[in-house]
Amino acid sequence: MLRFSASPTSDMHIGDLRVALFNYIVSKQNNENLLVRIEDSDKEKNTEGKDQEILDLLELFGIKYSQVIYQSQNVRFYTAMALQLMHEKKAFSCFCSKAWLDKKKQEAKEAKKPYKYDDACENLPDELVIDNPNPFTIRIKKPTDNISKDIDSFVILKQDKTPTYNFASAVDDMLNDISIVVCNENHMDDMLKQEHIRNSLNYDKKIKYIYLQKIINEDEFSVKRLLKEGYLPEAILNYLISIDNKTPKKIFSVKEAVEWFNLDNISNSPTRFDIEILKDINKQHLKNLDSKELSRYVGFADEEIGEVAKVYLEEVTTTKELKNKIEPIFKPKIIPSEFKKDSLLMVETIKKAPYFEKYDDFKNYIMKESGLKEKDFFKLFGLLLTGSENTPDLKQLYKYLKNYLGEIIK
């Protein structure tokens, strides 16, 4: 079993999506299930609806999972495990106040030393523990092996008896028989703590951790923002797999990537999210869409409109930009005053014109009947057709819009 864990406190960023994606790919390659864990035990930080938003995004990106668990629903397990550690003298009650701990941290900072809890409460006599009316946390005793020597006796249950992140995560991974975890490298210290928790609970299965270098500027790019700007889910996934990775080709689907993806090929150096590369990948995915499917992204379900969109793909890269090009075609046009007279003439001529299959026949007829010169024809017809003086090849546009002229030019 693999797992993707997410906190329902803020928008999902591309770094989170990459972790979910890589866990999904590895689960497919290993023929194992993927579990989604919503880390909602800190109720004060949770944002209403963010959990469903996370699940909806995973669905949109085709990241399939077998089940969802909420940490807030597992409190009884965390309490039971903490009691077991207390009973086995592997954890203890800590009555140190926040003010006292903050003082110790400040002293360590001034001495330019890393702060470590000094185990002040580890060996309190039983009578002092029982009779103590002050609030307390539960700390797990620090490991004794040399590998984990930098880990102190850290808190596993807070004063309100809710679990800390590491305790809840360690217990959940144990209860759900997690075998592999793909996560960002900044979680490496957390994983050491979680491993110590499971060892203390006599859980002997070793979980394989695969660490990814953090995307330096990932906080600048929420997944919702990229989708709103008009990037296709498949293009975003394509790019996330490509970041500092050796891929057999530039444009591919996740299904294809499952066949050759190898985490060993990913660079061990930090990287930046390059929006320009994503734009290029997105354009290629848009071009590969069926014309009718492409038209849906600009509000239609029509092959010819999809072909018009493909004409504009020579100059734009996202569905948002495409929509901004297509929508004005079917809206009333604002014609500059210097073109008003000639535009009215052209409109009347077009209304009276018969249907022409070929653009050149249409152009010649309009010019002859209106008396407009060729350079004036191009400018006016471009304005009436698209609302812009800067248009793609009018011959190409006419090919796909000729059946809509009555609706466009009024």
Protein backbone atom coordinates (compact mmCIF):
# COMPACT_ATOMS: atom_id res chain seq x y z
CA MET A 1 0.00 0.00 0.00
CA LEU A 2 1.15 3.52 -0.81
CA ARG A 3 -0.30 6.74 0.54
CA PHE A 4 -0.65 10.37 -0.31
CA SER A 5 -1.26 12.62 2.67
CA ALA A 6 -2.65 16.14 2.45
CA SER A 7 -3.62 18.80 4.95
CA PRO A 8 -6.99 20.55 4.37
CA THR A 9 -5.62 23.95 5.36
CA SER A 10 -4.73 25.64 2.06
CA ASP A 11 -4.78 25.26 -1.71
CA MET A 12 -2.94 22.32 -3.23
CA HIS A 13 0.32 23.42 -4.85
CA ILE A 14 2.15 21.78 -7.72
CA GLY A 15 4.66 20.25 -5.29
CA ASP A 16 1.79 18.46 -3.52
CA LEU A 17 0.37 17.31 -6.84
CA ARG A 18 3.76 15.93 -7.90
CA VAL A 19 4.00 13.89 -4.70
CA ALA A 20 0.48 12.51 -5.28
CA LEU A 21 1.30 11.75 -8.91
CA PHE A 22 4.53 9.92 -8.16
CA ASN A 23 2.90 7.85 -5.41
CA TYR A 24 0.17 6.96 -7.89
CA ILE A 25 2.63 5.93 -10.61
CA VAL A 26 4.71 3.83 -8.21
CA SER A 27 1.53 2.18 -6.89
CA LYS A 28 0.56 1.23 -10.46
CA GLN A 29 4.05 -0.08 -11.19
CA ASN A 30 4.03 -2.19 -8.02
CA ASN A 31 0.42 -3.27 -8.46
CA GLU A 32 -0.45 -1.87 -5.03
CA ASN A 33 -3.33 0.30 -3.84
CA LEU A 34 -3.01 3.99 -3.11
CA LEU A 35 -4.56 5.43 0.04
CA VAL A 36 -5.38 9.12 0.53
CA ARG A 37 -4.93 10.42 4.06
CA ILE A 38 -6.53 13.70 5.10
CA GLU A 39 -4.43 15.11 7.95
CA ASP A 40 -7.18 17.06 9.72
CA SER A 41 -6.41 16.41 13.36
CA ASP A 42 -5.51 20.08 13.97
CA LYS A 43 -9.06 21.42 13.74
CA GLU A 44 -8.10 25.07 14.30
CA LYS A 45 -6.07 25.12 11.08
CA ASN A 46 -8.54 23.23 8.89
CA THR A 47 -10.40 25.11 6.16
CA GLU A 48 -13.95 23.97 5.51
CA GLY A 49 -14.32 22.20 2.19
CA LYS A 50 -10.58 21.84 1.49
CA ASP A 51 -10.69 18.08 2.02
CA GLN A 52 -13.27 17.63 -0.74
CA GLU A 53 -11.36 20.06 -2.93
CA ILE A 54 -8.27 17.85 -2.60
CA LEU A 55 -10.25 14.75 -3.55
CA ASP A 56 -11.89 16.54 -6.48
CA LEU A 57 -8.50 17.62 -7.82
CA LEU A 58 -7.11 14.10 -7.56
CA GLU A 59 -10.15 12.89 -9.50
CA LEU A 60 -9.70 15.60 -12.14
CA PHE A 61 -6.07 14.61 -12.63
CA GLY A 62 -6.93 10.91 -12.89
CA ILE A 63 -5.08 9.95 -9.70
CA LYS A 64 -7.12 6.97 -8.56
CA TYR A 65 -7.08 5.76 -4.97
CA SER A 66 -8.63 2.83 -3.10
CA GLN A 67 -9.76 4.60 0.07
CA VAL A 68 -9.71 7.83 2.04
CA ILE A 69 -9.01 8.06 5.76
CA TYR A 70 -9.36 11.07 8.03
CA GLN A 71 -7.00 11.36 10.97
CA SER A 72 -9.72 13.03 13.04
CA GLN A 73 -11.61 9.73 12.92
CA ASN A 74 -8.65 7.72 14.27
CA VAL A 75 -8.16 9.47 17.62
CA ARG A 76 -8.99 6.32 19.58
CA PHE A 77 -6.09 4.48 17.92
CA TYR A 78 -3.62 7.24 18.74
CA THR A 79 -4.77 7.27 22.36
CA ALA A 80 -4.44 3.50 22.60
CA MET A 81 -0.93 3.55 21.13
CA ALA A 82 0.14 6.37 23.46
CA LEU A 83 -1.18 4.41 26.46
CA GLN A 84 0.79 1.37 25.31
CA LEU A 85 3.98 3.43 25.19
CA MET A 86 3.25 4.86 28.63
CA HIS A 87 2.59 1.39 30.06
CA GLU A 88 5.89 0.12 28.63
CA LYS A 89 7.76 3.15 30.04
CA LYS A 90 8.63 4.29 26.51
CA ALA A 91 6.75 7.57 26.92
CA PHE A 92 6.14 9.96 29.80
CA SER A 93 4.01 12.90 30.94
CA CYS A 94 5.60 16.32 30.44
CA PHE A 95 4.36 19.24 32.58
CA CYS A 96 6.73 21.84 31.14
CA SER A 97 4.82 24.99 30.26
CA LYS A 98 5.06 26.71 26.90
CA ALA A 99 6.70 29.70 28.56
CA TRP A 100 9.35 27.48 30.10
CA LEU A 101 10.05 25.67 26.83
CA ASP A 102 10.22 28.98 24.95
CA LYS A 103 12.78 30.20 27.51
CA LYS A 104 14.90 27.09 26.93
CA LYS A 105 14.68 27.53 23.16
CA GLN A 106 15.77 31.16 23.44
CA GLU A 107 18.74 30.18 25.62
CA ALA A 108 19.80 27.60 23.03
CA LYS A 109 19.47 30.18 20.28
CA GLU A 110 21.61 32.69 22.19
CA ALA A 111 24.21 29.99 22.80
CA LYS A 112 24.05 29.16 19.08
CA LYS A 113 23.19 25.57 19.82
CA PRO A 114 20.31 23.44 18.45
CA TYR A 115 17.47 23.18 20.93
CA LYS A 116 16.77 19.79 22.45
CA TYR A 117 14.31 18.94 25.17
CA ASP A 118 16.29 18.21 28.36
CA ASP A 119 14.10 15.33 29.60
CA ALA A 120 13.19 17.34 32.71
CA CYS A 121 10.00 15.34 33.26
CA GLU A 122 11.16 11.91 32.16
CA ASN A 123 11.95 10.54 35.60
CA LEU A 124 9.38 12.31 37.77
CA PRO A 125 8.23 10.20 40.73
CA ASP A 126 4.77 8.67 40.29
CA GLU A 127 3.31 10.72 43.14
CA LEU A 128 4.37 13.98 41.45
CA VAL A 129 2.74 12.86 38.23
CA ILE A 130 -0.52 11.76 39.85
CA ASP A 131 -0.89 14.81 42.08
CA ASN A 132 0.15 17.37 39.46
CA PRO A 133 -2.86 19.54 38.50
CA ASN A 134 -1.09 21.23 35.57
CA PRO A 135 -1.84 20.38 31.93
CA PHE A 136 0.61 18.00 30.33
CA THR A 137 1.73 16.55 27.04
CA ILE A 138 2.93 13.03 26.30
CA ARG A 139 6.50 12.66 25.05
CA ILE A 140 8.06 9.56 23.56
CA LYS A 141 11.49 8.80 25.00
CA LYS A 142 14.37 9.64 22.70
CA PRO A 143 15.99 6.78 20.78
CA THR A 144 19.19 5.30 22.15
CA ASP A 145 20.78 4.24 18.87
CA ASN A 146 23.45 6.44 17.30
CA ILE A 147 21.65 6.79 13.96
CA SER A 148 18.86 8.81 15.56
CA LYS A 149 21.02 10.68 18.08
CA ASP A 150 19.70 14.09 16.95
CA ILE A 151 16.13 13.20 17.95
CA ASP A 152 15.08 14.30 21.42
CA SER A 153 12.11 13.15 23.53
CA PHE A 154 9.44 14.76 21.38
CA VAL A 155 5.72 15.29 21.95
CA ILE A 156 3.29 12.70 20.57
CA LEU A 157 0.09 13.89 22.30
CA LYS A 158 -0.59 17.59 22.85
CA GLN A 159 -2.18 19.01 25.99
CA ASP A 160 -5.67 18.55 24.53
CA LYS A 161 -4.66 14.92 23.87
CA THR A 162 -4.82 15.29 20.09
CA PRO A 163 -1.89 13.66 18.29
CA THR A 164 1.04 15.52 16.82
CA TYR A 165 1.62 15.21 13.06
CA ASN A 166 4.41 12.65 13.38
CA PHE A 167 2.60 10.43 15.87
CA ALA A 168 -0.63 10.30 13.87
CA SER A 169 1.26 9.69 10.62
CA ALA A 170 3.43 6.95 12.10
CA VAL A 171 0.45 5.11 13.57
CA ASP A 172 -1.61 5.47 10.38
CA ASP A 173 1.21 4.09 8.22
CA MET A 174 1.47 1.16 10.59
CA LEU A 175 -2.27 0.47 10.74
CA ASN A 176 -2.61 0.67 6.95
CA ASP A 177 0.42 -1.50 6.16
CA ILE A 178 2.13 1.18 4.09
CA SER A 179 5.13 -0.18 2.23
CA ILE A 180 6.46 2.76 0.19
CA VAL A 181 6.22 6.51 0.73
CA VAL A 182 7.23 9.08 -1.87
CA CYS A 183 7.59 12.48 -0.20
CA ASN A 184 9.52 15.74 -0.35
CA GLU A 185 13.03 15.77 1.09
CA ASN A 186 12.08 18.33 3.74
CA HIS A 187 10.15 15.51 5.47
CA MET A 188 13.29 13.45 6.07
CA ASP A 189 13.56 14.38 9.77
CA ASP A 190 9.85 13.62 10.20
CA MET A 191 10.36 10.16 8.74
CA LEU A 192 13.12 9.43 11.25
CA LYS A 193 10.79 10.39 14.10
CA GLN A 194 7.99 8.28 12.66
CA GLU A 195 10.28 5.31 12.30
CA HIS A 196 11.29 5.70 15.95
CA ILE A 197 7.61 5.75 16.97
CA ARG A 198 6.89 2.50 15.11
CA ASN A 199 10.02 0.84 16.49
CA SER A 200 8.89 1.80 19.99
CA LEU A 201 5.51 0.20 19.24
CA ASN A 202 7.34 -3.02 18.26
CA TYR A 203 6.36 -2.69 14.60
CA ASP A 204 9.14 -4.30 12.64
CA LYS A 205 8.09 -3.72 9.02
CA LYS A 206 10.44 -1.29 7.30
CA ILE A 207 8.83 1.34 5.10
CA LYS A 208 10.78 2.42 2.04
CA TYR A 209 11.06 6.20 1.75
CA ILE A 210 11.78 7.91 -1.56
CA TYR A 211 12.63 11.58 -1.21
CA LEU A 212 12.03 14.23 -3.86
CA GLN A 213 13.87 17.52 -4.04
CA LYS A 214 11.51 20.42 -3.34
CA ILE A 215 10.39 22.62 -6.21
CA ILE A 216 11.88 25.92 -5.08
CA ASN A 217 9.04 28.24 -6.15
CA GLU A 218 6.15 25.80 -5.79
CA ASP A 219 4.18 28.09 -3.47
CA GLU A 220 3.75 30.54 -6.37
CA PHE A 221 1.71 28.02 -8.32
CA SER A 222 -1.42 26.54 -6.81
CA VAL A 223 -3.07 23.82 -8.86
CA LYS A 224 -6.32 25.83 -8.94
CA ARG A 225 -4.47 28.83 -10.36
CA LEU A 226 -2.93 26.79 -13.19
CA LEU A 227 -6.30 25.27 -14.07
CA LYS A 228 -7.97 28.71 -13.99
CA GLU A 229 -5.28 30.06 -16.33
CA GLY A 230 -6.15 27.36 -18.84
CA TYR A 231 -3.55 24.64 -18.44
CA LEU A 232 -4.82 21.13 -19.14
CA PRO A 233 -4.51 18.54 -16.35
CA GLU A 234 -2.67 16.16 -18.70
CA ALA A 235 -0.20 18.90 -19.64
CA ILE A 236 0.48 19.76 -15.99
CA LEU A 237 1.12 16.08 -15.20
CA ASN A 238 3.32 15.75 -18.29
CA TYR A 239 5.43 18.67 -17.08
CA LEU A 240 5.66 17.47 -13.46
CA ILE A 241 7.03 14.13 -14.65
CA SER A 242 9.45 15.92 -16.98
CA ILE A 243 10.99 18.23 -14.35
CA ASP A 244 14.70 17.31 -14.16
CA ASN A 245 13.86 13.83 -15.42
CA LYS A 246 14.99 11.71 -18.34
CA THR A 247 11.94 10.93 -20.48
CA PRO A 248 11.86 9.07 -23.82
CA LYS A 249 9.77 11.81 -25.42
CA LYS A 250 8.55 15.31 -24.67
CA ILE A 251 4.77 14.81 -24.86
CA PHE A 252 3.17 11.81 -23.18
CA SER A 253 0.30 10.65 -20.97
CA VAL A 254 0.52 9.32 -17.41
CA LYS A 255 -0.54 5.91 -18.72
CA GLU A 256 2.49 5.92 -21.01
CA ALA A 257 4.75 7.16 -18.22
CA VAL A 258 3.80 4.21 -15.98
CA GLU A 259 5.60 1.97 -18.50
CA TRP A 260 8.99 3.69 -18.26
CA PHE A 261 8.96 6.07 -15.26
CA ASN A 262 11.86 5.57 -12.87
CA LEU A 263 12.42 7.74 -9.79
CA ASP A 264 16.15 6.99 -10.03
CA ASN A 265 16.31 9.12 -13.17
CA ILE A 266 15.14 12.27 -11.40
CA SER A 267 17.81 14.83 -10.54
CA ASN A 268 18.85 15.16 -6.91
CA SER A 269 19.23 18.93 -7.25
CA PRO A 270 16.54 21.47 -6.36
CA THR A 271 14.62 22.77 -9.35
CA ARG A 272 12.33 25.66 -10.26
CA PHE A 273 8.88 25.50 -11.80
CA ASP A 274 9.30 26.94 -15.32
CA ILE A 275 5.97 28.28 -16.58
CA GLU A 276 7.37 28.82 -20.09
CA ILE A 277 8.12 25.11 -20.47
CA LEU A 278 4.62 24.30 -19.22
CA LYS A 279 3.15 26.71 -21.79
CA ASP A 280 4.91 24.87 -24.61
CA ILE A 281 3.81 21.46 -23.32
CA ASN A 282 0.25 22.73 -22.87
CA LYS A 283 0.14 24.01 -26.44
CA GLN A 284 1.20 20.59 -27.75
CA HIS A 285 -1.49 18.83 -25.71
CA LEU A 286 -4.10 21.29 -27.01
CA LYS A 287 -3.00 20.66 -30.58
CA ASN A 288 -3.32 16.92 -30.01
CA LEU A 289 -6.95 17.22 -28.91
CA ASP A 290 -9.76 16.21 -31.21
CA SER A 291 -11.26 19.37 -32.76
CA LYS A 292 -14.67 18.87 -31.15
CA GLU A 293 -13.08 18.23 -27.76
CA LEU A 294 -10.94 21.35 -28.10
CA SER A 295 -14.04 23.41 -28.90
CA ARG A 296 -15.54 22.44 -25.52
CA TYR A 297 -12.78 24.39 -23.79
CA VAL A 298 -14.00 27.57 -25.49
CA GLY A 299 -17.70 26.98 -24.85
CA PHE A 300 -18.78 25.00 -27.94
CA ALA A 301 -19.20 21.43 -29.08
CA ASP A 302 -18.42 21.93 -32.74
CA GLU A 303 -15.57 20.60 -34.88
CA GLU A 304 -15.34 23.75 -37.01
CA ILE A 305 -14.96 25.98 -33.94
CA GLY A 306 -12.31 23.54 -32.72
CA GLU A 307 -10.48 24.05 -36.02
CA VAL A 308 -10.68 27.82 -35.56
CA ALA A 309 -9.15 27.34 -32.10
CA LYS A 310 -6.31 25.34 -33.67
CA VAL A 311 -5.62 28.26 -36.02
CA TYR A 312 -5.20 30.49 -32.96
CA LEU A 313 -2.93 27.94 -31.27
CA GLU A 314 -0.13 29.29 -33.40
CA GLU A 315 -0.12 32.37 -31.15
CA VAL A 316 -1.61 31.31 -27.78
CA THR A 317 -0.85 28.53 -25.31
CA THR A 318 -3.78 28.10 -22.89
CA THR A 319 -7.53 27.53 -23.03
CA LYS A 320 -8.07 30.87 -21.28
CA GLU A 321 -6.18 32.65 -24.06
CA LEU A 322 -8.07 30.64 -26.66
CA LYS A 323 -11.39 31.61 -25.14
CA ASN A 324 -10.36 35.26 -25.24
CA LYS A 325 -9.77 34.86 -28.97
CA ILE A 326 -12.91 32.88 -29.84
CA GLU A 327 -15.53 34.67 -27.73
CA PRO A 328 -15.22 38.08 -29.49
CA ILE A 329 -16.01 36.41 -32.84
CA PHE A 330 -19.61 35.88 -31.75
CA LYS A 331 -20.04 39.17 -29.89
CA PRO A 332 -21.00 42.62 -31.24
CA LYS A 333 -17.94 44.33 -32.69
CA ILE A 334 -16.64 47.76 -31.77
CA ILE A 335 -15.55 49.32 -35.04
CA PRO A 336 -13.20 52.36 -34.98
CA SER A 337 -14.91 55.53 -36.24
CA GLU A 338 -12.68 55.82 -39.30
CA PHE A 339 -13.94 52.43 -40.54
CA LYS A 340 -17.63 52.88 -39.67
CA LYS A 341 -18.86 53.90 -43.12
CA ASP A 342 -17.02 51.20 -45.04
CA SER A 343 -17.88 48.56 -42.45
CA LEU A 344 -21.60 49.25 -42.82
CA LEU A 345 -21.16 48.90 -46.57
CA MET A 346 -19.40 45.58 -46.17
CA VAL A 347 -22.02 44.29 -43.73
CA GLU A 348 -24.83 45.05 -46.18
CA THR A 349 -22.89 43.45 -49.03
CA ILE A 350 -22.23 40.28 -47.03
CA LYS A 351 -25.89 40.03 -46.02
CA LYS A 352 -26.94 40.09 -49.67
CA ALA A 353 -24.17 37.77 -50.86
CA PRO A 354 -24.86 34.17 -51.89
CA TYR A 355 -23.07 31.31 -50.14
CA PHE A 356 -19.49 30.77 -51.28
CA GLU A 357 -17.61 27.60 -50.47
CA LYS A 358 -14.24 29.11 -51.36
CA TYR A 359 -12.74 32.16 -49.69
CA ASP A 360 -11.35 33.67 -52.90
CA ASP A 361 -14.80 33.59 -54.55
CA PHE A 362 -16.30 35.27 -51.48
CA LYS A 363 -13.58 37.93 -51.38
CA ASN A 364 -13.85 38.75 -55.07
CA TYR A 365 -17.62 39.04 -54.86
CA ILE A 366 -17.56 41.38 -51.82
CA MET A 367 -14.87 43.59 -53.35
CA LYS A 368 -16.72 43.84 -56.66
CA GLU A 369 -20.14 44.57 -55.15
CA SER A 370 -18.88 47.02 -52.53
CA GLY A 371 -16.17 48.69 -54.55
CA LEU A 372 -13.70 48.21 -51.67
CA LYS A 373 -10.00 47.86 -52.41
CA GLU A 374 -8.20 44.69 -51.40
CA LYS A 375 -6.25 46.26 -48.49
CA ASP A 376 -9.48 47.75 -47.12
CA PHE A 377 -11.24 44.41 -47.51
CA PHE A 378 -8.66 42.58 -45.37
CA LYS A 379 -8.79 45.15 -42.57
CA LEU A 380 -12.59 45.45 -42.52
CA PHE A 381 -13.33 41.76 -42.87
CA GLY A 382 -10.83 40.97 -40.10
CA LEU A 383 -12.52 43.49 -37.81
CA LEU A 384 -16.03 42.24 -38.59
CA LEU A 385 -15.01 38.61 -38.21
CA THR A 386 -12.85 38.73 -35.08
CA GLY A 387 -13.18 42.22 -33.59
CA SER A 388 -9.43 42.68 -33.91
CA GLU A 389 -7.15 44.32 -36.45
CA ASN A 390 -4.57 41.60 -35.84
CA THR A 391 -6.00 38.34 -37.16
CA PRO A 392 -4.67 34.97 -38.26
CA ASP A 393 -4.94 33.96 -41.91
CA LEU A 394 -8.43 35.10 -42.99
CA LYS A 395 -8.57 32.35 -45.59
CA GLN A 396 -8.18 29.76 -42.83
CA LEU A 397 -10.75 31.45 -40.63
CA TYR A 398 -13.26 31.69 -43.48
CA LYS A 399 -12.85 27.98 -44.18
CA TYR A 400 -14.22 27.14 -40.73
CA LEU A 401 -16.50 30.14 -40.09
CA LYS A 402 -18.27 30.50 -43.45
CA ASN A 403 -21.34 28.70 -42.11
CA TYR A 404 -21.52 31.17 -39.21
CA LEU A 405 -21.22 34.44 -41.17
CA GLY A 406 -24.90 35.28 -40.71
CA GLU A 407 -24.51 34.92 -36.96
CA ILE A 408 -21.17 36.72 -36.76
CA ILE A 409 -21.69 39.68 -39.10
CA LYS A 410 -24.94 41.48 -38.31
